[in-house]
C-alpha cells in the first residue's frame, strides 16, 4: 500500500489529506472520492476535463504512485 497527499495528487497546495491505495487505480479512486467531498471547485474543474486531459492526469498519477514508498 502507498500513500500520497491530496496536494501531491494535484489538489490544493494546503490539503495534506492522506490518500492511500494498493494500485494507481485504487489510489486515484480514493483520491477522487476525497476531492468530490472536500473540494467542490476542483470537482467542477475535473468534470470539465477532456478525455485526453484525464488520460494525461492518470499517466502522471501512475508515475507519482510508482515513485511513492510502500507504507
N, C-alpha and C. Protein backbone atom coordinates (compact mmCIF):
# COMPACT_ATOMS: atom_id res chain seq x y z
N UNK A 1 0.85 -1.17 0.00
CA UNK A 1 0.00 0.00 0.00
C UNK A 1 0.90 1.23 0.00
N UNK A 2 0.45 2.25 -0.74
CA UNK A 2 1.17 3.50 -0.80
C UNK A 2 0.23 4.63 -0.41
N UNK A 3 0.84 5.74 0.02
CA UNK A 3 0.04 6.87 0.48
C UNK A 3 0.63 8.16 -0.08
N UNK A 4 -0.24 9.02 -0.60
CA UNK A 4 0.17 10.29 -1.18
C UNK A 4 -0.86 11.32 -0.74
N UNK A 5 -0.45 12.55 -0.50
CA UNK A 5 -1.39 13.57 -0.05
C UNK A 5 -2.20 14.13 -1.22
N UNK A 6 -3.29 14.76 -0.88
CA UNK A 6 -4.14 15.41 -1.87
C UNK A 6 -3.31 16.44 -2.66
N UNK A 7 -2.50 17.22 -1.96
CA UNK A 7 -1.68 18.23 -2.64
C UNK A 7 -0.73 17.59 -3.65
N UNK A 8 -0.12 16.47 -3.29
CA UNK A 8 0.78 15.77 -4.20
C UNK A 8 0.02 15.21 -5.39
N UNK A 9 -1.24 14.93 -5.22
CA UNK A 9 -2.08 14.39 -6.27
C UNK A 9 -2.52 15.47 -7.26
N UNK A 10 -2.35 16.73 -6.87
CA UNK A 10 -2.75 17.83 -7.73
C UNK A 10 -3.85 18.68 -7.13
N UNK A 11 -4.21 18.35 -5.90
CA UNK A 11 -5.23 19.13 -5.20
C UNK A 11 -4.65 20.43 -4.66
N UNK A 12 -5.42 21.14 -3.85
CA UNK A 12 -4.94 22.40 -3.27
C UNK A 12 -3.63 22.19 -2.50
N UNK A 13 -2.71 23.12 -2.66
CA UNK A 13 -1.38 23.00 -2.04
C UNK A 13 -1.44 22.89 -0.52
N UNK A 14 -2.50 23.34 0.08
CA UNK A 14 -2.62 23.31 1.54
C UNK A 14 -3.32 22.06 2.06
N UNK A 15 -3.78 21.18 1.17
CA UNK A 15 -4.51 19.99 1.62
C UNK A 15 -3.55 18.81 1.80
N UNK A 16 -3.33 18.44 3.04
CA UNK A 16 -2.43 17.33 3.35
C UNK A 16 -3.18 16.04 3.68
N UNK A 17 -4.43 15.94 3.22
CA UNK A 17 -5.22 14.73 3.44
C UNK A 17 -4.49 13.56 2.79
N UNK A 18 -4.27 12.49 3.54
CA UNK A 18 -3.54 11.32 3.04
C UNK A 18 -4.48 10.39 2.27
N UNK A 19 -4.06 10.06 1.06
CA UNK A 19 -4.83 9.16 0.20
C UNK A 19 -4.00 7.91 -0.02
N UNK A 20 -4.60 6.74 0.22
CA UNK A 20 -3.83 5.50 0.08
C UNK A 20 -4.50 4.56 -0.90
N UNK A 21 -3.71 3.58 -1.35
CA UNK A 21 -4.23 2.57 -2.26
C UNK A 21 -3.18 1.52 -2.54
N UNK A 22 -3.64 0.39 -3.04
CA UNK A 22 -2.74 -0.71 -3.38
C UNK A 22 -2.32 -0.70 -4.84
N UNK A 23 -2.98 0.13 -5.64
CA UNK A 23 -2.65 0.26 -7.06
C UNK A 23 -2.89 1.71 -7.45
N UNK A 24 -2.34 2.15 -8.57
CA UNK A 24 -2.61 3.52 -9.00
C UNK A 24 -4.10 3.78 -9.20
N UNK A 25 -4.82 2.79 -9.71
CA UNK A 25 -6.24 2.95 -9.94
C UNK A 25 -7.02 3.08 -8.63
N UNK A 26 -6.69 2.24 -7.65
CA UNK A 26 -7.36 2.31 -6.34
C UNK A 26 -7.04 3.64 -5.67
N UNK A 27 -5.80 4.05 -5.74
CA UNK A 27 -5.38 5.32 -5.15
C UNK A 27 -6.12 6.48 -5.82
N UNK A 28 -6.22 6.48 -7.15
CA UNK A 28 -6.92 7.55 -7.86
C UNK A 28 -8.40 7.57 -7.49
N UNK A 29 -9.02 6.41 -7.38
CA UNK A 29 -10.43 6.33 -6.99
C UNK A 29 -10.63 6.90 -5.60
N UNK A 30 -9.77 6.52 -4.67
CA UNK A 30 -9.87 7.03 -3.30
C UNK A 30 -9.63 8.53 -3.26
N UNK A 31 -8.68 8.99 -4.07
CA UNK A 31 -8.39 10.42 -4.13
C UNK A 31 -9.55 11.21 -4.71
N UNK A 32 -10.18 10.68 -5.74
CA UNK A 32 -11.30 11.37 -6.35
C UNK A 32 -12.47 11.46 -5.39
N UNK A 33 -12.66 10.43 -4.58
CA UNK A 33 -13.72 10.46 -3.58
C UNK A 33 -13.48 11.63 -2.62
N UNK A 34 -12.24 11.79 -2.17
CA UNK A 34 -11.90 12.90 -1.28
C UNK A 34 -12.14 14.24 -1.97
N UNK A 35 -11.67 14.37 -3.21
CA UNK A 35 -11.82 15.62 -3.95
C UNK A 35 -13.30 15.97 -4.10
N UNK A 36 -14.11 15.00 -4.45
CA UNK A 36 -15.54 15.24 -4.66
C UNK A 36 -16.22 15.74 -3.38
N UNK A 37 -15.75 15.27 -2.23
CA UNK A 37 -16.35 15.65 -0.95
C UNK A 37 -15.76 16.96 -0.41
N UNK A 38 -14.47 17.16 -0.57
CA UNK A 38 -13.78 18.25 0.12
C UNK A 38 -13.48 19.48 -0.74
N UNK A 39 -13.46 19.33 -2.05
CA UNK A 39 -13.03 20.43 -2.91
C UNK A 39 -14.01 20.64 -4.08
N UNK A 40 -15.17 21.26 -3.79
CA UNK A 40 -16.18 21.41 -4.84
C UNK A 40 -15.70 22.19 -6.06
N UNK A 41 -14.83 23.17 -5.87
CA UNK A 41 -14.32 23.94 -7.01
C UNK A 41 -13.46 23.07 -7.92
N UNK A 42 -12.64 22.23 -7.32
CA UNK A 42 -11.80 21.32 -8.09
C UNK A 42 -12.66 20.24 -8.75
N UNK A 43 -13.70 19.82 -8.07
CA UNK A 43 -14.63 18.83 -8.63
C UNK A 43 -15.19 19.33 -9.96
N UNK A 44 -15.59 20.59 -10.01
CA UNK A 44 -16.14 21.16 -11.24
C UNK A 44 -15.08 21.23 -12.34
N UNK A 45 -13.86 21.56 -11.96
CA UNK A 45 -12.76 21.62 -12.93
C UNK A 45 -12.52 20.23 -13.52
N UNK A 46 -12.54 19.21 -12.69
CA UNK A 46 -12.30 17.84 -13.14
C UNK A 46 -13.42 17.39 -14.09
N UNK A 47 -14.65 17.74 -13.75
CA UNK A 47 -15.77 17.36 -14.60
C UNK A 47 -15.64 17.94 -16.00
N UNK A 48 -14.94 19.07 -16.13
CA UNK A 48 -14.78 19.71 -17.42
C UNK A 48 -13.57 19.24 -18.22
N UNK A 49 -12.82 18.30 -17.68
CA UNK A 49 -11.63 17.82 -18.38
C UNK A 49 -12.00 16.94 -19.57
N UNK A 50 -11.22 17.07 -20.63
CA UNK A 50 -11.42 16.20 -21.80
C UNK A 50 -10.84 14.82 -21.51
N UNK A 51 -11.15 13.86 -22.35
CA UNK A 51 -10.59 12.51 -22.21
C UNK A 51 -9.07 12.56 -22.25
N UNK A 52 -8.52 13.36 -23.15
CA UNK A 52 -7.07 13.47 -23.27
C UNK A 52 -6.46 14.05 -21.98
N UNK A 53 -7.10 15.06 -21.42
CA UNK A 53 -6.61 15.66 -20.17
C UNK A 53 -6.69 14.65 -19.03
N UNK A 54 -7.78 13.89 -18.98
CA UNK A 54 -7.94 12.86 -17.95
C UNK A 54 -6.87 11.78 -18.10
N UNK A 55 -6.62 11.34 -19.32
CA UNK A 55 -5.59 10.33 -19.57
C UNK A 55 -4.21 10.84 -19.17
N UNK A 56 -3.92 12.10 -19.48
CA UNK A 56 -2.64 12.71 -19.09
C UNK A 56 -2.50 12.75 -17.58
N UNK A 57 -3.59 13.16 -16.90
CA UNK A 57 -3.56 13.23 -15.44
C UNK A 57 -3.29 11.85 -14.86
N UNK A 58 -3.95 10.82 -15.40
CA UNK A 58 -3.78 9.47 -14.87
C UNK A 58 -2.37 8.96 -15.12
N UNK A 59 -1.79 9.29 -16.25
CA UNK A 59 -0.41 8.89 -16.53
C UNK A 59 0.55 9.52 -15.51
N UNK A 60 0.34 10.80 -15.21
CA UNK A 60 1.16 11.48 -14.21
C UNK A 60 0.90 10.88 -12.82
N UNK A 61 -0.35 10.57 -12.52
CA UNK A 61 -0.70 9.99 -11.22
C UNK A 61 -0.05 8.62 -11.06
N UNK A 62 -0.03 7.82 -12.10
CA UNK A 62 0.63 6.50 -12.04
C UNK A 62 2.11 6.66 -11.70
N UNK A 63 2.76 7.61 -12.34
CA UNK A 63 4.19 7.84 -12.08
C UNK A 63 4.41 8.26 -10.63
N UNK A 64 3.56 9.16 -10.12
CA UNK A 64 3.68 9.58 -8.71
C UNK A 64 3.46 8.40 -7.79
N UNK A 65 2.46 7.58 -8.09
CA UNK A 65 2.15 6.42 -7.26
C UNK A 65 3.35 5.45 -7.26
N UNK A 66 3.87 5.15 -8.42
CA UNK A 66 5.00 4.20 -8.52
C UNK A 66 6.23 4.73 -7.78
N UNK A 67 6.42 6.05 -7.75
CA UNK A 67 7.59 6.64 -7.08
C UNK A 67 7.42 6.70 -5.56
N UNK A 68 6.19 6.62 -5.08
CA UNK A 68 5.94 6.71 -3.64
C UNK A 68 6.44 5.45 -2.92
N UNK A 69 6.97 5.62 -1.70
CA UNK A 69 7.42 4.44 -0.95
C UNK A 69 6.25 3.62 -0.43
N UNK A 70 6.49 2.34 -0.24
CA UNK A 70 5.49 1.45 0.38
C UNK A 70 5.30 1.87 1.82
N UNK A 71 4.08 1.73 2.30
CA UNK A 71 3.80 2.06 3.72
C UNK A 71 4.14 0.87 4.59
